[in-house]
Structure formats: structure tokens, C-alpha cells
Amino acid sequence: ENKKLEEFVLNNVPNSSKVSEISSEATFLLPKESAQYFAEFFKKLDEELNRLDISSYGVSMTTLEEVFLKVEGGDKHKDAEVIEAIKRRSSAIEDK
């Protein structure tokens, strides 16, 4: 668990929250309403990568499918599997 990273994100982007942390990957929600803070946040993040023990990071927009799954409120285990599949598909597309 990277408390330094969590503190950094929560202190630099209002209304942000940690969604998950699995192994060496953490996912944070940066709300669109806080977009005015993003430029400065990412500038600071790039400057603090070593101190925060970050080797790399990625940014993505929530898909309509992910929003639907949250609104639908179905089986959380199944939802997690679908979201992971979406992430893998997104990663594969980015790698091309």
C-alpha cells in the first residue's frame, strides 16, 4: 500500500478518491469537476515520481460501459471481472 501516493493524490485533486489497490497498481478517481487542478497535479506528479515510488502511470476516461455497470449495481464480482477485461482491452489498444 502506497500511503505517500494516496496522500499526494487526495491533497492535490479535490474530491478525488482511491478506487482500488491491487499488488503494485493503484487506481484513483479524479472527478471531472476538479479538472482545473489536473495540469498542476500531473506536473507535480512527474516531479515526485521517485519520492512516491512510482515507476509509471496511466490515465484513462471512464467508459460508458463502466458507468452503466456502476448505475446498474449488479454483481460486484462480475462487474470487477468486466472492468478488468475492459482495462486489458484498453491496454492492448494502447500498445498497438
N, C-alpha and C. Protein backbone atom coordinates (compact mmCIF):
# COMPACT_ATOMS: atom_id res chain seq x y z
N GLU A 1 0.85 -1.18 0.00
CA GLU A 1 0.00 0.00 0.00
C GLU A 1 0.89 1.24 0.00
N ASN A 2 0.65 2.13 -0.93
CA ASN A 2 1.46 3.33 -1.07
C ASN A 2 0.71 4.52 -0.47
N LYS A 3 0.91 4.73 0.82
CA LYS A 3 0.24 5.84 1.53
C LYS A 3 0.71 7.20 1.02
N LYS A 4 2.00 7.28 0.63
CA LYS A 4 2.52 8.55 0.13
C LYS A 4 1.77 8.97 -1.14
N LEU A 5 1.54 8.01 -2.02
CA LEU A 5 0.82 8.30 -3.26
C LEU A 5 -0.62 8.71 -2.96
N GLU A 6 -1.27 7.93 -2.12
CA GLU A 6 -2.67 8.23 -1.78
C GLU A 6 -2.80 9.64 -1.19
N GLU A 7 -1.94 9.97 -0.27
CA GLU A 7 -1.96 11.30 0.35
C GLU A 7 -1.71 12.38 -0.70
N PHE A 8 -0.75 12.13 -1.59
CA PHE A 8 -0.42 13.09 -2.64
C PHE A 8 -1.64 13.37 -3.53
N VAL A 9 -2.28 12.31 -4.00
CA VAL A 9 -3.44 12.47 -4.89
C VAL A 9 -4.57 13.20 -4.16
N LEU A 10 -4.92 12.72 -2.99
CA LEU A 10 -6.05 13.30 -2.26
C LEU A 10 -5.82 14.75 -1.88
N ASN A 11 -4.56 15.12 -1.63
CA ASN A 11 -4.24 16.50 -1.27
C ASN A 11 -4.15 17.45 -2.47
N ASN A 12 -3.96 16.89 -3.66
CA ASN A 12 -3.76 17.76 -4.84
C ASN A 12 -4.94 17.83 -5.80
N VAL A 13 -5.89 16.91 -5.67
CA VAL A 13 -7.07 16.93 -6.52
C VAL A 13 -8.31 16.84 -5.62
N PRO A 14 -9.02 17.96 -5.45
CA PRO A 14 -10.21 17.94 -4.60
C PRO A 14 -11.23 16.89 -5.06
N ASN A 15 -11.84 16.25 -4.09
CA ASN A 15 -12.89 15.25 -4.31
C ASN A 15 -12.40 13.98 -5.00
N SER A 16 -11.08 13.78 -5.06
CA SER A 16 -10.55 12.54 -5.63
C SER A 16 -10.70 11.43 -4.60
N SER A 17 -10.62 10.19 -5.08
CA SER A 17 -10.73 9.06 -4.16
C SER A 17 -9.97 7.86 -4.73
N LYS A 18 -9.50 7.00 -3.82
CA LYS A 18 -8.85 5.77 -4.26
C LYS A 18 -9.93 4.74 -4.52
N VAL A 19 -9.91 4.14 -5.71
CA VAL A 19 -10.90 3.15 -6.10
C VAL A 19 -10.42 1.75 -5.74
N SER A 20 -9.15 1.47 -5.99
CA SER A 20 -8.61 0.15 -5.67
C SER A 20 -7.10 0.20 -5.59
N GLU A 21 -6.54 -0.81 -4.95
CA GLU A 21 -5.09 -1.00 -4.93
C GLU A 21 -4.85 -2.50 -4.87
N ILE A 22 -4.32 -3.01 -5.96
CA ILE A 22 -4.06 -4.44 -6.08
C ILE A 22 -2.61 -4.61 -6.48
N SER A 23 -1.88 -5.33 -5.65
CA SER A 23 -0.46 -5.57 -5.88
C SER A 23 0.26 -4.23 -5.99
N SER A 24 0.87 -3.94 -7.10
CA SER A 24 1.62 -2.69 -7.25
C SER A 24 0.87 -1.68 -8.12
N GLU A 25 -0.45 -1.84 -8.26
CA GLU A 25 -1.24 -0.93 -9.09
C GLU A 25 -2.36 -0.31 -8.26
N ALA A 26 -2.40 1.01 -8.28
CA ALA A 26 -3.46 1.74 -7.58
C ALA A 26 -4.29 2.49 -8.61
N THR A 27 -5.59 2.56 -8.36
CA THR A 27 -6.50 3.28 -9.24
C THR A 27 -7.20 4.37 -8.44
N PHE A 28 -7.15 5.59 -8.98
CA PHE A 28 -7.79 6.73 -8.33
C PHE A 28 -8.82 7.33 -9.27
N LEU A 29 -9.88 7.85 -8.69
CA LEU A 29 -10.89 8.57 -9.45
C LEU A 29 -10.62 10.05 -9.28
N LEU A 30 -10.37 10.73 -10.40
CA LEU A 30 -10.17 12.16 -10.40
C LEU A 30 -11.40 12.77 -11.07
N PRO A 31 -12.30 13.35 -10.30
CA PRO A 31 -13.57 13.80 -10.87
C PRO A 31 -13.39 14.93 -11.88
N LYS A 32 -14.20 14.89 -12.90
CA LYS A 32 -14.18 15.89 -13.97
C LYS A 32 -14.33 17.30 -13.41
N GLU A 33 -15.08 17.42 -12.32
CA GLU A 33 -15.31 18.73 -11.70
C GLU A 33 -14.02 19.35 -11.17
N SER A 34 -13.00 18.53 -10.98
CA SER A 34 -11.71 19.02 -10.47
C SER A 34 -10.69 19.20 -11.58
N ALA A 35 -11.14 19.23 -12.82
CA ALA A 35 -10.24 19.30 -13.98
C ALA A 35 -9.31 20.50 -13.94
N GLN A 36 -9.72 21.58 -13.32
CA GLN A 36 -8.86 22.77 -13.26
C GLN A 36 -7.56 22.51 -12.51
N TYR A 37 -7.51 21.46 -11.69
CA TYR A 37 -6.32 21.11 -10.93
C TYR A 37 -5.42 20.11 -11.65
N PHE A 38 -5.88 19.52 -12.73
CA PHE A 38 -5.15 18.42 -13.37
C PHE A 38 -3.77 18.82 -13.88
N ALA A 39 -3.65 19.94 -14.56
CA ALA A 39 -2.36 20.33 -15.15
C ALA A 39 -1.29 20.44 -14.06
N GLU A 40 -1.60 21.14 -13.00
CA GLU A 40 -0.63 21.30 -11.91
C GLU A 40 -0.38 19.96 -11.20
N PHE A 41 -1.43 19.18 -11.03
CA PHE A 41 -1.29 17.87 -10.39
C PHE A 41 -0.32 16.98 -11.16
N PHE A 42 -0.50 16.87 -12.48
CA PHE A 42 0.37 15.99 -13.26
C PHE A 42 1.80 16.54 -13.36
N LYS A 43 1.94 17.84 -13.35
CA LYS A 43 3.28 18.43 -13.32
C LYS A 43 3.98 18.03 -12.02
N LYS A 44 3.29 18.19 -10.88
CA LYS A 44 3.87 17.81 -9.59
C LYS A 44 4.13 16.30 -9.53
N LEU A 45 3.19 15.52 -10.05
CA LEU A 45 3.34 14.06 -10.04
C LEU A 45 4.61 13.66 -10.78
N ASP A 46 4.82 14.23 -11.96
CA ASP A 46 6.02 13.91 -12.73
C ASP A 46 7.29 14.27 -11.96
N GLU A 47 7.25 15.36 -11.20
CA GLU A 47 8.42 15.78 -10.42
C GLU A 47 8.65 14.89 -9.20
N GLU A 48 7.60 14.23 -8.72
CA GLU A 48 7.67 13.46 -7.47
C GLU A 48 7.66 11.94 -7.67
N LEU A 49 7.79 11.46 -8.89
CA LEU A 49 7.70 10.02 -9.16
C LEU A 49 8.60 9.18 -8.26
N ASN A 50 9.86 9.55 -8.15
CA ASN A 50 10.79 8.77 -7.33
C ASN A 50 10.40 8.78 -5.86
N ARG A 51 10.07 9.95 -5.33
CA ARG A 51 9.70 10.06 -3.92
C ARG A 51 8.45 9.25 -3.61
N LEU A 52 7.54 9.17 -4.58
CA LEU A 52 6.29 8.45 -4.39
C LEU A 52 6.39 6.97 -4.76
N ASP A 53 7.58 6.53 -5.12
CA ASP A 53 7.82 5.12 -5.50
C ASP A 53 6.95 4.68 -6.68
N ILE A 54 6.89 5.53 -7.71
CA ILE A 54 6.09 5.24 -8.90
C ILE A 54 7.04 5.00 -10.07
N SER A 55 6.88 3.87 -10.74
CA SER A 55 7.71 3.60 -11.92
C SER A 55 7.02 4.06 -13.19
N SER A 56 5.69 4.04 -13.21
CA SER A 56 4.93 4.53 -14.36
C SER A 56 3.48 4.74 -13.94
N TYR A 57 2.76 5.51 -14.76
CA TYR A 57 1.34 5.70 -14.51
C TYR A 57 0.61 5.89 -15.82
N GLY A 58 -0.70 5.70 -15.78
CA GLY A 58 -1.53 5.89 -16.96
C GLY A 58 -2.79 6.64 -16.59
N VAL A 59 -3.42 7.20 -17.59
CA VAL A 59 -4.63 7.98 -17.39
C VAL A 59 -5.67 7.51 -18.39
N SER A 60 -6.91 7.35 -17.94
CA SER A 60 -7.98 6.99 -18.87
C SER A 60 -9.29 7.61 -18.42
N MET A 61 -10.17 7.80 -19.36
CA MET A 61 -11.51 8.29 -19.07
C MET A 61 -12.40 7.10 -18.79
N THR A 62 -13.35 7.26 -17.89
CA THR A 62 -14.31 6.20 -17.61
C THR A 62 -15.16 5.99 -18.85
N THR A 63 -15.34 4.73 -19.20
CA THR A 63 -16.17 4.42 -20.37
C THR A 63 -17.65 4.41 -19.98
N LEU A 64 -18.49 4.56 -20.97
CA LEU A 64 -19.93 4.47 -20.72
C LEU A 64 -20.30 3.11 -20.16
N GLU A 65 -19.59 2.07 -20.58
CA GLU A 65 -19.85 0.72 -20.07
C GLU A 65 -19.58 0.65 -18.57
N GLU A 66 -18.48 1.26 -18.14
CA GLU A 66 -18.16 1.26 -16.70
C GLU A 66 -19.21 2.05 -15.91
N VAL A 67 -19.64 3.18 -16.46
CA VAL A 67 -20.67 3.97 -15.79
C VAL A 67 -21.95 3.16 -15.69
N PHE A 68 -22.34 2.49 -16.76
CA PHE A 68 -23.54 1.66 -16.75
C PHE A 68 -23.46 0.59 -15.66
N LEU A 69 -22.29 -0.05 -15.55
CA LEU A 69 -22.13 -1.10 -14.54
C LEU A 69 -22.31 -0.54 -13.13
N LYS A 70 -21.81 0.67 -12.89
CA LYS A 70 -21.96 1.26 -11.56
C LYS A 70 -23.41 1.63 -11.29
N VAL A 71 -24.10 2.17 -12.29
CA VAL A 71 -25.50 2.55 -12.13
C VAL A 71 -26.38 1.32 -11.98
N GLU A 72 -26.08 0.30 -12.75
CA GLU A 72 -26.86 -0.93 -12.72
C GLU A 72 -26.79 -1.60 -11.35
N GLY A 73 -25.59 -1.53 -10.71
CA GLY A 73 -25.42 -2.09 -9.37
C GLY A 73 -25.59 -3.59 -9.31
N GLY A 74 -25.16 -4.28 -10.34
CA GLY A 74 -25.29 -5.73 -10.39
C GLY A 74 -24.28 -6.44 -9.51
N ASP A 75 -23.93 -7.64 -9.89
CA ASP A 75 -22.99 -8.48 -9.16
C ASP A 75 -21.61 -7.83 -9.14
N LYS A 76 -21.14 -7.45 -7.95
CA LYS A 76 -19.87 -6.72 -7.85
C LYS A 76 -18.68 -7.55 -8.35
N HIS A 77 -18.69 -8.84 -8.10
CA HIS A 77 -17.60 -9.69 -8.57
C HIS A 77 -17.58 -9.72 -10.10
N LYS A 78 -18.74 -9.89 -10.69
CA LYS A 78 -18.85 -9.92 -12.15
C LYS A 78 -18.46 -8.55 -12.73
N ASP A 79 -18.91 -7.48 -12.06
CA ASP A 79 -18.57 -6.13 -12.53
C ASP A 79 -17.06 -5.94 -12.54
N ALA A 80 -16.39 -6.40 -11.49
CA ALA A 80 -14.94 -6.28 -11.41
C ALA A 80 -14.27 -7.03 -12.56
N GLU A 81 -14.79 -8.22 -12.87
CA GLU A 81 -14.23 -9.00 -13.98
C GLU A 81 -14.41 -8.25 -15.30
N VAL A 82 -15.56 -7.66 -15.51
CA VAL A 82 -15.83 -6.94 -16.75
C VAL A 82 -14.92 -5.71 -16.84
N ILE A 83 -14.78 -4.99 -15.75
CA ILE A 83 -13.93 -3.80 -15.75
C ILE A 83 -12.48 -4.19 -16.02
N GLU A 84 -12.01 -5.28 -15.44
CA GLU A 84 -10.65 -5.74 -15.71
C GLU A 84 -10.49 -6.11 -17.19
N ALA A 85 -11.51 -6.73 -17.76
CA ALA A 85 -11.46 -7.07 -19.19
C ALA A 85 -11.39 -5.80 -20.04
N ILE A 86 -12.13 -4.79 -19.65
CA ILE A 86 -12.11 -3.51 -20.38
C ILE A 86 -10.72 -2.90 -20.28
N LYS A 87 -10.13 -2.93 -19.08
CA LYS A 87 -8.79 -2.37 -18.91
C LYS A 87 -7.77 -3.11 -19.77
N ARG A 88 -7.88 -4.45 -19.79
CA ARG A 88 -6.94 -5.23 -20.62
C ARG A 88 -7.11 -4.88 -22.08
N ARG A 89 -8.38 -4.75 -22.52
CA ARG A 89 -8.64 -4.40 -23.92
C ARG A 89 -8.08 -3.01 -24.21
N SER A 90 -8.26 -2.05 -23.29
CA SER A 90 -7.74 -0.70 -23.48
C SER A 90 -6.22 -0.72 -23.57
N SER A 91 -5.59 -1.52 -22.70
CA SER A 91 -4.13 -1.63 -22.71
C SER A 91 -3.64 -2.20 -24.03
N ALA A 92 -4.32 -3.22 -24.52
CA ALA A 92 -3.94 -3.84 -25.80
C ALA A 92 -4.03 -2.83 -26.93
N ILE A 93 -5.06 -2.01 -26.91
CA ILE A 93 -5.24 -0.99 -27.95
C ILE A 93 -4.13 0.03 -27.86
N GLU A 94 -3.79 0.48 -26.63
CA GLU A 94 -2.72 1.48 -26.45
C GLU A 94 -1.38 0.94 -26.89
N ASP A 95 -1.15 -0.37 -26.72
CA ASP A 95 0.13 -0.97 -27.08
C ASP A 95 0.33 -1.06 -28.59
N LYS A 96 -0.75 -0.96 -29.36
CA LYS A 96 -0.64 -1.07 -30.84
C LYS A 96 -0.06 0.16 -31.46
